[in-house]
Amino acid sequence: MFFRKLRQLEAKMDDFLDLASEAGLVFRAAVEAYFQKNQGEFSTQLDKIRNIESRADKLRREIKSELYTETLIPESRGDILALLETTDKAINGVKRVVQDFSAESPAIPVVYHENFLILTDRSQQALESLVVALRAFFRRPLAVNDTLHKVHFFEKEADRVAEHLRHEIFASELDLAVKMHIRDFVFRMDRVADLAQQVADRLAIYVIKRTV
C-alpha cells in the first residue's frame, strides 16, 4: 500500500513537471502568434496557458495534501513542496505575460520582433532546463548539476538580450510612453527566466542536503 501510494505521488509530480514544460512551449507559441497577428492561434495559446496554470495549481494542492496526510517521504516533503511552489510561480509568470499581451496589446515595431522572439526562446529554454533538473532531483540527485548550469546559462542569455532590447528601444525615436510600455514587456518576459533561476538556486541547495 505504501509503495503504491508513493508511485501515485511520483506520477503526479511527473504530471506537474509536464505542465511546467508545456507552459514554456505555449509561451513561445503565443508570442509567435501575437507577432504574426494570428489572433485565432494566440487565443488558443491563451486558453492553453490558463488551463495549464489551473491544472498545475490543482496538482500542487493534491501533492501537498498527500505528502502530509499520507506521511510520505517526511524527510524531504518540505523541500519538495518548496520546489513545487516556486516552479508554480514560474508557470504563473508565463500565464501573466501571455495575459498581458492579450489585455494590453503592446505596439511592438517589427524591427524588435526578432530579439523579442530570441528573448522568449531563452526564457523558455531556462524553464525547460529547470524541468529536466527537477526530474533528475527526484530520480538521480547526483545528475542534477549536469543540467542546472543550463538554467543559469539561458537566464544570463535572456538578461543579455533584454538589456540589448532596452538600449535599442530607448535609442529609438518612439514616443516615450511607447518606449516604456515596450520596456515593461521586456522586463516581464525576462522575468520568466529569472523565476526559473530562482528555483534552480533553491534546487542546488536541496541537492547538497540530499547528498551529504
N, C-alpha and C. Protein backbone atom coordinates (compact mmCIF):
# COMPACT_ATOMS: atom_id res chain seq x y z
N MET A 1 0.83 -1.20 0.00
CA MET A 1 0.00 0.00 0.00
C MET A 1 0.86 1.26 0.00
N PHE A 2 1.91 1.26 0.85
CA PHE A 2 2.79 2.44 0.93
C PHE A 2 3.45 2.71 -0.41
N PHE A 3 4.02 1.66 -1.03
CA PHE A 3 4.73 1.86 -2.29
C PHE A 3 3.79 2.23 -3.43
N ARG A 4 2.55 1.73 -3.37
CA ARG A 4 1.57 2.10 -4.39
C ARG A 4 1.25 3.59 -4.29
N LYS A 5 1.07 4.07 -3.06
CA LYS A 5 0.80 5.49 -2.87
C LYS A 5 1.99 6.35 -3.28
N LEU A 6 3.19 5.83 -3.00
CA LEU A 6 4.39 6.57 -3.38
C LEU A 6 4.50 6.68 -4.90
N ARG A 7 4.19 5.58 -5.61
CA ARG A 7 4.23 5.61 -7.07
C ARG A 7 3.18 6.58 -7.61
N GLN A 8 2.02 6.61 -7.00
CA GLN A 8 0.97 7.53 -7.43
C GLN A 8 1.41 8.98 -7.23
N LEU A 9 2.10 9.23 -6.12
CA LEU A 9 2.60 10.57 -5.85
C LEU A 9 3.66 10.97 -6.88
N GLU A 10 4.55 10.05 -7.20
CA GLU A 10 5.59 10.32 -8.19
C GLU A 10 4.97 10.61 -9.56
N ALA A 11 3.89 9.90 -9.89
CA ALA A 11 3.20 10.12 -11.16
C ALA A 11 2.62 11.53 -11.21
N LYS A 12 2.08 12.00 -10.09
CA LYS A 12 1.53 13.34 -10.04
C LYS A 12 2.63 14.39 -10.17
N MET A 13 3.77 14.14 -9.56
CA MET A 13 4.87 15.09 -9.69
C MET A 13 5.37 15.14 -11.13
N ASP A 14 5.39 13.98 -11.79
CA ASP A 14 5.76 13.94 -13.21
C ASP A 14 4.77 14.75 -14.04
N ASP A 15 3.48 14.59 -13.73
CA ASP A 15 2.45 15.35 -14.45
C ASP A 15 2.63 16.85 -14.24
N PHE A 16 2.98 17.23 -13.01
CA PHE A 16 3.20 18.65 -12.72
C PHE A 16 4.37 19.20 -13.54
N LEU A 17 5.44 18.43 -13.64
CA LEU A 17 6.60 18.88 -14.41
C LEU A 17 6.29 18.91 -15.90
N ASP A 18 5.45 17.99 -16.36
CA ASP A 18 5.00 18.03 -17.76
C ASP A 18 4.29 19.36 -18.04
N LEU A 19 3.48 19.80 -17.09
CA LEU A 19 2.75 21.06 -17.27
C LEU A 19 3.71 22.25 -17.30
N ALA A 20 4.75 22.22 -16.47
CA ALA A 20 5.74 23.30 -16.48
C ALA A 20 6.45 23.36 -17.83
N SER A 21 6.80 22.19 -18.37
CA SER A 21 7.44 22.14 -19.68
C SER A 21 6.50 22.65 -20.76
N GLU A 22 5.24 22.22 -20.69
CA GLU A 22 4.26 22.65 -21.68
C GLU A 22 4.02 24.15 -21.61
N ALA A 23 4.06 24.72 -20.41
CA ALA A 23 3.87 26.16 -20.25
C ALA A 23 4.92 26.94 -21.05
N GLY A 24 6.16 26.46 -21.02
CA GLY A 24 7.22 27.12 -21.78
C GLY A 24 6.96 27.07 -23.28
N LEU A 25 6.49 25.94 -23.77
CA LEU A 25 6.20 25.79 -25.20
C LEU A 25 5.03 26.68 -25.62
N VAL A 26 4.01 26.75 -24.78
CA VAL A 26 2.86 27.60 -25.07
C VAL A 26 3.27 29.07 -25.06
N PHE A 27 4.15 29.43 -24.14
CA PHE A 27 4.68 30.80 -24.07
C PHE A 27 5.28 31.20 -25.41
N ARG A 28 6.13 30.36 -25.95
CA ARG A 28 6.78 30.66 -27.22
C ARG A 28 5.77 30.72 -28.35
N ALA A 29 4.84 29.77 -28.39
CA ALA A 29 3.84 29.75 -29.45
C ALA A 29 2.93 30.97 -29.39
N ALA A 30 2.60 31.42 -28.18
CA ALA A 30 1.72 32.59 -28.03
C ALA A 30 2.40 33.85 -28.53
N VAL A 31 3.68 34.04 -28.19
CA VAL A 31 4.39 35.23 -28.63
C VAL A 31 4.55 35.23 -30.15
N GLU A 32 4.86 34.07 -30.72
CA GLU A 32 4.97 33.97 -32.18
C GLU A 32 3.64 34.33 -32.84
N ALA A 33 2.54 33.81 -32.31
CA ALA A 33 1.22 34.09 -32.88
C ALA A 33 0.88 35.58 -32.76
N TYR A 34 1.27 36.19 -31.65
CA TYR A 34 0.98 37.62 -31.46
C TYR A 34 1.70 38.45 -32.52
N PHE A 35 2.97 38.17 -32.74
CA PHE A 35 3.72 38.94 -33.73
C PHE A 35 3.26 38.66 -35.16
N GLN A 36 2.73 37.48 -35.39
CA GLN A 36 2.19 37.16 -36.71
C GLN A 36 0.77 37.68 -36.90
N LYS A 37 0.25 38.34 -35.86
CA LYS A 37 -1.12 38.88 -35.87
C LYS A 37 -2.15 37.78 -36.14
N ASN A 38 -1.84 36.58 -35.65
CA ASN A 38 -2.75 35.44 -35.79
C ASN A 38 -3.58 35.36 -34.52
N GLN A 39 -4.68 36.11 -34.50
CA GLN A 39 -5.48 36.23 -33.28
C GLN A 39 -6.08 34.91 -32.86
N GLY A 40 -6.51 34.11 -33.84
CA GLY A 40 -7.09 32.81 -33.51
C GLY A 40 -6.11 31.90 -32.80
N GLU A 41 -4.89 31.82 -33.32
CA GLU A 41 -3.87 30.98 -32.70
C GLU A 41 -3.45 31.54 -31.35
N PHE A 42 -3.35 32.88 -31.25
CA PHE A 42 -2.99 33.48 -29.97
C PHE A 42 -4.04 33.15 -28.91
N SER A 43 -5.31 33.25 -29.27
CA SER A 43 -6.38 32.94 -28.32
C SER A 43 -6.33 31.49 -27.89
N THR A 44 -5.98 30.61 -28.82
CA THR A 44 -5.84 29.19 -28.48
C THR A 44 -4.75 28.99 -27.45
N GLN A 45 -3.61 29.64 -27.65
CA GLN A 45 -2.50 29.50 -26.70
C GLN A 45 -2.83 30.15 -25.36
N LEU A 46 -3.58 31.24 -25.38
CA LEU A 46 -4.00 31.88 -24.13
C LEU A 46 -4.89 30.93 -23.33
N ASP A 47 -5.81 30.29 -24.00
CA ASP A 47 -6.67 29.31 -23.32
C ASP A 47 -5.84 28.15 -22.77
N LYS A 48 -4.82 27.73 -23.52
CA LYS A 48 -3.97 26.63 -23.09
C LYS A 48 -3.22 26.98 -21.81
N ILE A 49 -2.64 28.18 -21.77
CA ILE A 49 -1.83 28.52 -20.60
C ILE A 49 -2.71 28.70 -19.37
N ARG A 50 -3.91 29.20 -19.56
CA ARG A 50 -4.83 29.30 -18.42
C ARG A 50 -5.18 27.91 -17.90
N ASN A 51 -5.42 26.98 -18.82
CA ASN A 51 -5.73 25.61 -18.43
C ASN A 51 -4.55 24.94 -17.74
N ILE A 52 -3.35 25.16 -18.26
CA ILE A 52 -2.14 24.60 -17.67
C ILE A 52 -1.95 25.11 -16.25
N GLU A 53 -2.11 26.43 -16.07
CA GLU A 53 -1.92 27.02 -14.74
C GLU A 53 -2.93 26.48 -13.74
N SER A 54 -4.17 26.31 -14.19
CA SER A 54 -5.21 25.78 -13.31
C SER A 54 -4.92 24.34 -12.92
N ARG A 55 -4.52 23.53 -13.89
CA ARG A 55 -4.20 22.13 -13.61
C ARG A 55 -2.97 22.01 -12.71
N ALA A 56 -1.98 22.86 -12.93
CA ALA A 56 -0.77 22.83 -12.11
C ALA A 56 -1.10 23.18 -10.66
N ASP A 57 -1.96 24.18 -10.46
CA ASP A 57 -2.37 24.55 -9.10
C ASP A 57 -3.07 23.38 -8.42
N LYS A 58 -3.96 22.72 -9.16
CA LYS A 58 -4.71 21.60 -8.60
C LYS A 58 -3.77 20.46 -8.21
N LEU A 59 -2.82 20.14 -9.08
CA LEU A 59 -1.86 19.07 -8.79
C LEU A 59 -0.99 19.42 -7.59
N ARG A 60 -0.57 20.68 -7.53
CA ARG A 60 0.28 21.11 -6.40
C ARG A 60 -0.46 20.93 -5.08
N ARG A 61 -1.72 21.29 -5.07
CA ARG A 61 -2.52 21.13 -3.83
C ARG A 61 -2.71 19.66 -3.48
N GLU A 62 -2.93 18.82 -4.50
CA GLU A 62 -3.10 17.39 -4.26
C GLU A 62 -1.82 16.77 -3.71
N ILE A 63 -0.70 17.14 -4.29
CA ILE A 63 0.59 16.61 -3.84
C ILE A 63 0.87 17.04 -2.40
N LYS A 64 0.59 18.31 -2.12
CA LYS A 64 0.79 18.82 -0.76
C LYS A 64 -0.06 18.03 0.24
N SER A 65 -1.29 17.81 -0.10
CA SER A 65 -2.20 17.08 0.79
C SER A 65 -1.71 15.65 1.02
N GLU A 66 -1.30 14.99 -0.04
CA GLU A 66 -0.86 13.60 0.08
C GLU A 66 0.45 13.48 0.86
N LEU A 67 1.34 14.44 0.67
CA LEU A 67 2.60 14.39 1.40
C LEU A 67 2.38 14.45 2.91
N TYR A 68 1.39 15.22 3.32
CA TYR A 68 1.15 15.37 4.76
C TYR A 68 0.15 14.36 5.31
N THR A 69 -0.94 14.11 4.60
CA THR A 69 -1.94 13.20 5.14
C THR A 69 -1.48 11.74 5.09
N GLU A 70 -0.65 11.41 4.09
CA GLU A 70 -0.17 10.03 3.97
C GLU A 70 1.21 9.85 4.59
N THR A 71 1.75 10.92 5.14
CA THR A 71 3.10 10.92 5.74
C THR A 71 4.14 10.27 4.84
N LEU A 72 4.09 10.66 3.56
CA LEU A 72 5.05 10.13 2.60
C LEU A 72 6.33 10.97 2.61
N ILE A 73 7.46 10.30 2.45
CA ILE A 73 8.79 10.91 2.43
C ILE A 73 8.88 12.14 3.35
N PRO A 74 8.64 11.97 4.64
CA PRO A 74 8.64 13.12 5.57
C PRO A 74 9.95 13.86 5.63
N GLU A 75 11.07 13.16 5.39
CA GLU A 75 12.37 13.82 5.48
C GLU A 75 12.61 14.82 4.35
N SER A 76 11.84 14.71 3.27
CA SER A 76 12.07 15.59 2.11
C SER A 76 10.85 16.40 1.71
N ARG A 77 9.72 16.20 2.39
CA ARG A 77 8.50 16.81 1.87
C ARG A 77 8.53 18.34 1.87
N GLY A 78 9.21 18.93 2.86
CA GLY A 78 9.31 20.39 2.88
C GLY A 78 10.06 20.91 1.66
N ASP A 79 11.15 20.24 1.31
CA ASP A 79 11.93 20.64 0.14
C ASP A 79 11.12 20.45 -1.14
N ILE A 80 10.43 19.32 -1.24
CA ILE A 80 9.63 19.04 -2.43
C ILE A 80 8.53 20.08 -2.61
N LEU A 81 7.85 20.40 -1.53
CA LEU A 81 6.78 21.39 -1.61
C LEU A 81 7.31 22.76 -2.00
N ALA A 82 8.46 23.13 -1.47
CA ALA A 82 9.06 24.43 -1.81
C ALA A 82 9.40 24.48 -3.30
N LEU A 83 9.92 23.38 -3.81
CA LEU A 83 10.26 23.32 -5.24
C LEU A 83 9.01 23.41 -6.11
N LEU A 84 7.97 22.69 -5.72
CA LEU A 84 6.72 22.74 -6.49
C LEU A 84 6.11 24.14 -6.46
N GLU A 85 6.13 24.78 -5.30
CA GLU A 85 5.52 26.10 -5.17
C GLU A 85 6.28 27.15 -5.97
N THR A 86 7.61 27.09 -5.95
CA THR A 86 8.37 28.07 -6.72
C THR A 86 8.30 27.80 -8.21
N THR A 87 8.21 26.53 -8.59
CA THR A 87 8.02 26.21 -10.02
C THR A 87 6.65 26.68 -10.48
N ASP A 88 5.66 26.55 -9.60
CA ASP A 88 4.31 27.03 -9.92
C ASP A 88 4.33 28.54 -10.16
N LYS A 89 5.17 29.26 -9.45
CA LYS A 89 5.29 30.70 -9.68
C LYS A 89 5.81 31.00 -11.09
N ALA A 90 6.72 30.14 -11.57
CA ALA A 90 7.23 30.32 -12.93
C ALA A 90 6.12 30.09 -13.96
N ILE A 91 5.29 29.07 -13.72
CA ILE A 91 4.15 28.82 -14.60
C ILE A 91 3.20 30.02 -14.57
N ASN A 92 2.94 30.54 -13.38
CA ASN A 92 2.09 31.72 -13.24
C ASN A 92 2.68 32.92 -13.97
N GLY A 93 4.02 33.02 -13.93
CA GLY A 93 4.69 34.11 -14.63
C GLY A 93 4.46 34.05 -16.12
N VAL A 94 4.51 32.85 -16.69
CA VAL A 94 4.23 32.67 -18.11
C VAL A 94 2.79 33.10 -18.41
N LYS A 95 1.85 32.63 -17.59
CA LYS A 95 0.44 32.98 -17.81
C LYS A 95 0.24 34.49 -17.79
N ARG A 96 0.87 35.16 -16.84
CA ARG A 96 0.70 36.61 -16.72
C ARG A 96 1.19 37.33 -17.97
N VAL A 97 2.33 36.90 -18.50
CA VAL A 97 2.87 37.56 -19.69
C VAL A 97 1.90 37.40 -20.87
N VAL A 98 1.42 36.19 -21.09
CA VAL A 98 0.50 35.95 -22.21
C VAL A 98 -0.79 36.74 -22.00
N GLN A 99 -1.30 36.77 -20.77
CA GLN A 99 -2.50 37.55 -20.49
C GLN A 99 -2.26 39.04 -20.70
N ASP A 100 -1.06 39.51 -20.36
CA ASP A 100 -0.73 40.92 -20.55
C ASP A 100 -0.70 41.28 -22.03
N PHE A 101 -0.18 40.39 -22.86
CA PHE A 101 -0.22 40.62 -24.31
C PHE A 101 -1.66 40.75 -24.77
N SER A 102 -2.52 39.90 -24.23
CA SER A 102 -3.93 39.93 -24.61
C SER A 102 -4.62 41.21 -24.14
N ALA A 103 -4.36 41.61 -22.90
CA ALA A 103 -5.06 42.75 -22.31
C ALA A 103 -4.54 44.09 -22.80
N GLU A 104 -3.20 44.19 -23.01
CA GLU A 104 -2.59 45.48 -23.29
C GLU A 104 -2.24 45.70 -24.76
N SER A 105 -2.18 44.64 -25.55
CA SER A 105 -1.87 44.73 -26.99
C SER A 105 -0.72 45.69 -27.27
N PRO A 106 0.48 45.42 -26.74
CA PRO A 106 1.59 46.34 -26.95
C PRO A 106 1.94 46.50 -28.43
N ALA A 107 2.16 47.75 -28.83
CA ALA A 107 2.50 48.03 -30.23
C ALA A 107 4.02 47.95 -30.38
N ILE A 108 4.52 46.74 -30.60
CA ILE A 108 5.96 46.50 -30.70
C ILE A 108 6.36 46.52 -32.18
N PRO A 109 7.19 47.49 -32.59
CA PRO A 109 7.59 47.57 -34.00
C PRO A 109 8.26 46.28 -34.49
N VAL A 110 8.08 46.00 -35.77
CA VAL A 110 8.61 44.77 -36.37
C VAL A 110 10.13 44.65 -36.17
N VAL A 111 10.81 45.78 -36.14
CA VAL A 111 12.27 45.75 -36.02
C VAL A 111 12.73 45.06 -34.73
N TYR A 112 11.86 45.02 -33.72
CA TYR A 112 12.23 44.39 -32.45
C TYR A 112 11.72 42.95 -32.31
N HIS A 113 10.94 42.50 -33.27
CA HIS A 113 10.33 41.18 -33.14
C HIS A 113 11.36 40.06 -33.00
N GLU A 114 12.41 40.11 -33.79
CA GLU A 114 13.39 39.03 -33.76
C GLU A 114 14.02 38.88 -32.37
N ASN A 115 14.40 40.00 -31.78
CA ASN A 115 15.02 39.92 -30.46
C ASN A 115 14.01 39.56 -29.38
N PHE A 116 12.76 39.97 -29.54
CA PHE A 116 11.73 39.53 -28.61
C PHE A 116 11.55 38.02 -28.68
N LEU A 117 11.60 37.48 -29.89
CA LEU A 117 11.46 36.03 -30.05
C LEU A 117 12.67 35.29 -29.46
N ILE A 118 13.86 35.89 -29.62
CA ILE A 118 15.05 35.30 -29.01
C ILE A 118 14.92 35.32 -27.49
N LEU A 119 14.44 36.43 -26.94
CA LEU A 119 14.23 36.53 -25.50
C LEU A 119 13.23 35.48 -25.03
N THR A 120 12.16 35.31 -25.79
CA THR A 120 11.16 34.27 -25.47
C THR A 120 11.80 32.90 -25.46
N ASP A 121 12.61 32.63 -26.47
CA ASP A 121 13.26 31.33 -26.57
C ASP A 121 14.20 31.07 -25.40
N ARG A 122 14.99 32.07 -25.02
CA ARG A 122 15.94 31.89 -23.93
C ARG A 122 15.20 31.66 -22.61
N SER A 123 14.11 32.36 -22.39
CA SER A 123 13.33 32.16 -21.17
C SER A 123 12.70 30.78 -21.16
N GLN A 124 12.19 30.35 -22.32
CA GLN A 124 11.59 29.02 -22.42
C GLN A 124 12.65 27.94 -22.19
N GLN A 125 13.84 28.14 -22.71
CA GLN A 125 14.92 27.16 -22.54
C GLN A 125 15.36 27.09 -21.07
N ALA A 126 15.34 28.22 -20.39
CA ALA A 126 15.68 28.21 -18.96
C ALA A 126 14.66 27.39 -18.19
N LEU A 127 13.37 27.57 -18.51
CA LEU A 127 12.32 26.82 -17.84
C LEU A 127 12.41 25.33 -18.17
N GLU A 128 12.67 25.01 -19.42
CA GLU A 128 12.77 23.60 -19.81
C GLU A 128 13.97 22.93 -19.14
N SER A 129 15.09 23.62 -19.07
CA SER A 129 16.27 23.06 -18.39
C SER A 129 15.99 22.83 -16.91
N LEU A 130 15.21 23.73 -16.32
CA LEU A 130 14.81 23.55 -14.92
C LEU A 130 13.99 22.27 -14.75
N VAL A 131 13.05 22.03 -15.65
CA VAL A 131 12.22 20.83 -15.58
C VAL A 131 13.09 19.57 -15.64
N VAL A 132 14.07 19.57 -16.53
CA VAL A 132 14.97 18.42 -16.64
C VAL A 132 15.73 18.22 -15.32
N ALA A 133 16.20 19.32 -14.73
CA ALA A 133 16.93 19.23 -13.47
C ALA A 133 16.03 18.72 -12.34
N LEU A 134 14.79 19.16 -12.32
CA LEU A 134 13.85 18.70 -11.28
C LEU A 134 13.55 17.21 -11.43
N ARG A 135 13.40 16.75 -12.65
CA ARG A 135 13.17 15.32 -12.86
C ARG A 135 14.36 14.52 -12.33
N ALA A 136 15.56 15.02 -12.57
CA ALA A 136 16.76 14.34 -12.08
C ALA A 136 16.78 14.33 -10.56
N PHE A 137 16.34 15.42 -9.95
CA PHE A 137 16.34 15.52 -8.48
C PHE A 137 15.51 14.41 -7.85
N PHE A 138 14.39 14.06 -8.47
CA PHE A 138 13.51 13.04 -7.91
C PHE A 138 13.99 11.62 -8.23
N ARG A 139 14.93 11.49 -9.19
CA ARG A 139 15.37 10.15 -9.58
C ARG A 139 16.87 9.92 -9.36
N ARG A 140 17.67 10.90 -9.80
CA ARG A 140 19.13 10.74 -9.73
C ARG A 140 19.73 12.06 -9.25
N PRO A 141 19.69 12.34 -7.95
CA PRO A 141 20.16 13.63 -7.44
C PRO A 141 21.57 14.01 -7.88
N LEU A 142 22.43 13.03 -8.03
CA LEU A 142 23.81 13.34 -8.41
C LEU A 142 23.91 13.88 -9.84
N ALA A 143 22.86 13.68 -10.64
CA ALA A 143 22.88 14.14 -12.03
C ALA A 143 22.31 15.54 -12.20
N VAL A 144 21.81 16.12 -11.12
CA VAL A 144 21.14 17.42 -11.22
C VAL A 144 22.09 18.50 -11.73
N ASN A 145 23.29 18.53 -11.21
CA ASN A 145 24.23 19.58 -11.59
C ASN A 145 24.60 19.56 -13.07
N ASP A 146 24.39 18.39 -13.71
CA ASP A 146 24.65 18.31 -15.15
C ASP A 146 23.73 19.22 -15.94
N THR A 147 22.58 19.55 -15.36
CA THR A 147 21.59 20.36 -16.06
C THR A 147 21.43 21.75 -15.46
N LEU A 148 21.69 21.89 -14.17
CA LEU A 148 21.48 23.18 -13.52
C LEU A 148 22.26 24.31 -14.20
N HIS A 149 23.46 24.02 -14.68
CA HIS A 149 24.24 25.08 -15.30
C HIS A 149 23.55 25.63 -16.55
N LYS A 150 22.71 24.80 -17.19
CA LYS A 150 21.99 25.27 -18.37
C LYS A 150 20.94 26.30 -18.00
N VAL A 151 20.31 26.12 -16.85
CA VAL A 151 19.33 27.11 -16.39
C VAL A 151 20.02 28.46 -16.25
N HIS A 152 21.18 28.47 -15.61
CA HIS A 152 21.92 29.72 -15.40
C HIS A 152 22.40 30.30 -16.73
N PHE A 153 22.81 29.44 -17.64
CA PHE A 153 23.27 29.91 -18.95
C PHE A 153 22.15 30.63 -19.69
N PHE A 154 20.98 30.00 -19.77
CA PHE A 154 19.87 30.60 -20.51
C PHE A 154 19.32 31.83 -19.81
N GLU A 155 19.38 31.86 -18.47
CA GLU A 155 18.94 33.04 -17.75
C GLU A 155 19.85 34.22 -18.06
N LYS A 156 21.16 33.98 -18.10
CA LYS A 156 22.10 35.05 -18.44
C LYS A 156 21.91 35.51 -19.88
N GLU A 157 21.64 34.55 -20.78
CA GLU A 157 21.38 34.92 -22.17
C GLU A 157 20.12 35.76 -22.29
N ALA A 158 19.09 35.41 -21.53
CA ALA A 158 17.86 36.20 -21.53
C ALA A 158 18.14 37.62 -21.03
N ASP A 159 18.94 37.74 -19.97
CA ASP A 159 19.31 39.06 -19.46
C ASP A 159 20.06 39.87 -20.52
N ARG A 160 20.96 39.19 -21.23
CA ARG A 160 21.76 39.88 -22.25
C ARG A 160 20.86 40.42 -23.36
N VAL A 161 19.95 39.60 -23.85
CA VAL A 161 19.04 40.02 -24.92
C VAL A 161 18.13 41.14 -24.43
N ALA A 162 17.64 41.00 -23.19
CA ALA A 162 16.76 42.02 -22.63
C ALA A 162 17.47 43.36 -22.52
N GLU A 163 18.71 43.33 -22.07
CA GLU A 163 19.48 44.57 -21.95
C GLU A 163 19.69 45.21 -23.32
N HIS A 164 20.01 44.39 -24.31
CA HIS A 164 20.19 44.90 -25.68
C HIS A 164 18.90 45.54 -26.19
N LEU A 165 17.78 44.88 -25.94
CA LEU A 165 16.49 45.42 -26.38
C LEU A 165 16.20 46.77 -25.72
N ARG A 166 16.46 46.86 -24.44
CA ARG A 166 16.19 48.13 -23.75
C ARG A 166 17.01 49.27 -24.35
N HIS A 167 18.28 49.00 -24.64
CA HIS A 167 19.11 50.03 -25.26
C HIS A 167 18.55 50.44 -26.62
N GLU A 168 18.15 49.44 -27.42
CA GLU A 168 17.62 49.74 -28.74
C GLU A 168 16.33 50.55 -28.65
N ILE A 169 15.46 50.16 -27.75
CA ILE A 169 14.17 50.82 -27.61
C ILE A 169 14.33 52.28 -27.21
N PHE A 170 15.18 52.56 -26.23
CA PHE A 170 15.32 53.93 -25.74
C PHE A 170 16.23 54.79 -26.61
N ALA A 171 16.92 54.15 -27.55
CA ALA A 171 17.71 54.92 -28.52
C ALA A 171 16.88 55.27 -29.75
N SER A 172 15.66 54.74 -29.83
CA SER A 172 14.80 54.97 -30.98
C SER A 172 14.07 56.30 -30.86
N GLU A 173 13.31 56.64 -31.90
CA GLU A 173 12.54 57.88 -31.90
C GLU A 173 11.08 57.66 -31.52
N LEU A 174 10.79 56.53 -30.93
CA LEU A 174 9.43 56.25 -30.47
C LEU A 174 9.03 57.22 -29.37
N ASP A 175 7.73 57.44 -29.21
CA ASP A 175 7.23 58.24 -28.10
C ASP A 175 7.64 57.60 -26.78
N LEU A 176 7.94 58.43 -25.79
CA LEU A 176 8.43 57.91 -24.51
C LEU A 176 7.45 56.93 -23.88
N ALA A 177 6.17 57.22 -23.96
CA ALA A 177 5.17 56.32 -23.37
C ALA A 177 5.20 54.96 -24.05
N VAL A 178 5.42 54.95 -25.36
CA VAL A 178 5.51 53.68 -26.10
C VAL A 178 6.77 52.93 -25.69
N LYS A 179 7.87 53.68 -25.57
CA LYS A 179 9.13 53.06 -25.14
C LYS A 179 8.96 52.36 -23.79
N MET A 180 8.31 53.04 -22.86
CA MET A 180 8.16 52.48 -21.52
C MET A 180 7.23 51.27 -21.52
N HIS A 181 6.22 51.32 -22.38
CA HIS A 181 5.30 50.18 -22.47
C HIS A 181 6.03 48.95 -23.01
N ILE A 182 6.79 49.14 -24.07
CA ILE A 182 7.54 48.01 -24.65
C ILE A 182 8.59 47.51 -23.65
N ARG A 183 9.26 48.46 -22.98
CA ARG A 183 10.26 48.10 -21.96
C ARG A 183 9.66 47.21 -20.88
N ASP A 184 8.44 47.53 -20.48
CA ASP A 184 7.78 46.73 -19.45
C ASP A 184 7.61 45.28 -19.90
N PHE A 185 7.32 45.07 -21.17
CA PHE A 185 7.16 43.70 -21.68
C PHE A 185 8.50 42.98 -21.74
N VAL A 186 9.57 43.72 -21.99
CA VAL A 186 10.91 43.12 -21.94
C VAL A 186 11.16 42.59 -20.53
N PHE A 187 10.87 43.41 -19.53
CA PHE A 187 11.06 43.00 -18.13
C PHE A 187 10.22 41.76 -17.81
N ARG A 188 8.97 41.78 -18.22
CA ARG A 188 8.06 40.68 -17.88
C ARG A 188 8.50 39.36 -18.52
N MET A 189 8.97 39.44 -19.75
CA MET A 189 9.40 38.21 -20.42
C MET A 189 10.72 37.70 -19.86
N ASP A 190 11.60 38.63 -19.52
CA ASP A 190 12.87 38.24 -18.90
C ASP A 190 12.64 37.64 -17.52
N ARG A 191 11.55 38.08 -16.87
CA ARG A 191 11.21 37.60 -15.53
C ARG A 191 10.98 36.08 -15.50
N VAL A 192 10.49 35.52 -16.59
CA VAL A 192 10.26 34.07 -16.65
C VAL A 192 11.56 33.32 -16.43
N ALA A 193 12.63 33.77 -17.09
CA ALA A 193 13.95 33.15 -16.90
C ALA A 193 14.45 33.37 -15.48
N ASP A 194 14.20 34.56 -14.93
CA ASP A 194 14.61 34.84 -13.55
C ASP A 194 13.94 33.89 -12.56
N LEU A 195 12.65 33.64 -12.78
CA LEU A 195 11.92 32.73 -11.89
C LEU A 195 12.47 31.31 -11.99
N ALA A 196 12.83 30.90 -13.19
CA ALA A 196 13.42 29.57 -13.36
C ALA A 196 14.75 29.48 -12.61
N GLN A 197 15.54 30.54 -12.67
CA GLN A 197 16.82 30.52 -11.96
C GLN A 197 16.62 30.49 -10.45
N GLN A 198 15.59 31.18 -9.95
CA GLN A 198 15.33 31.16 -8.51
C GLN A 198 15.04 29.74 -8.03
N VAL A 199 14.28 28.99 -8.82
CA VAL A 199 14.02 27.59 -8.46
C VAL A 199 15.32 26.79 -8.53
N ALA A 200 16.12 27.06 -9.55
CA ALA A 200 17.39 26.34 -9.71
C ALA A 200 18.32 26.59 -8.53
N ASP A 201 18.36 27.82 -8.04
CA ASP A 201 19.21 28.14 -6.88
C ASP A 201 18.74 27.36 -5.65
N ARG A 202 17.43 27.29 -5.47
CA ARG A 202 16.87 26.54 -4.35
C ARG A 202 17.19 25.05 -4.52
N LEU A 203 17.05 24.57 -5.75
CA LEU A 203 17.30 23.15 -6.03
C LEU A 203 18.75 22.78 -5.73
N ALA A 204 19.69 23.65 -6.05
CA ALA A 204 21.10 23.37 -5.80
C ALA A 204 21.36 23.13 -4.31
N ILE A 205 20.68 23.89 -3.47
CA ILE A 205 20.82 23.72 -2.01
C ILE A 205 20.27 22.36 -1.57
N TYR A 206 19.10 21.99 -2.13
CA TYR A 206 18.47 20.74 -1.74
C TYR A 206 19.28 19.54 -2.20
N VAL A 207 19.97 19.68 -3.32
CA VAL A 207 20.83 18.59 -3.81
C VAL A 207 21.96 18.35 -2.81
N ILE A 208 22.54 19.43 -2.32
CA ILE A 208 23.62 19.29 -1.33
C ILE A 208 23.10 18.61 -0.07
N LYS A 209 21.89 18.98 0.35
CA LYS A 209 21.31 18.37 1.55
C LYS A 209 21.09 16.89 1.37
N ARG A 210 20.71 16.47 0.16
CA ARG A 210 20.41 15.05 -0.06
C ARG A 210 21.63 14.20 -0.30
N THR A 211 22.76 14.83 -0.60
CA THR A 211 23.95 14.05 -0.96
C THR A 211 25.04 14.09 0.10
N VAL A 212 24.84 14.87 1.16
CA VAL A 212 25.89 14.89 2.22
C VAL A 212 25.64 13.78 3.21
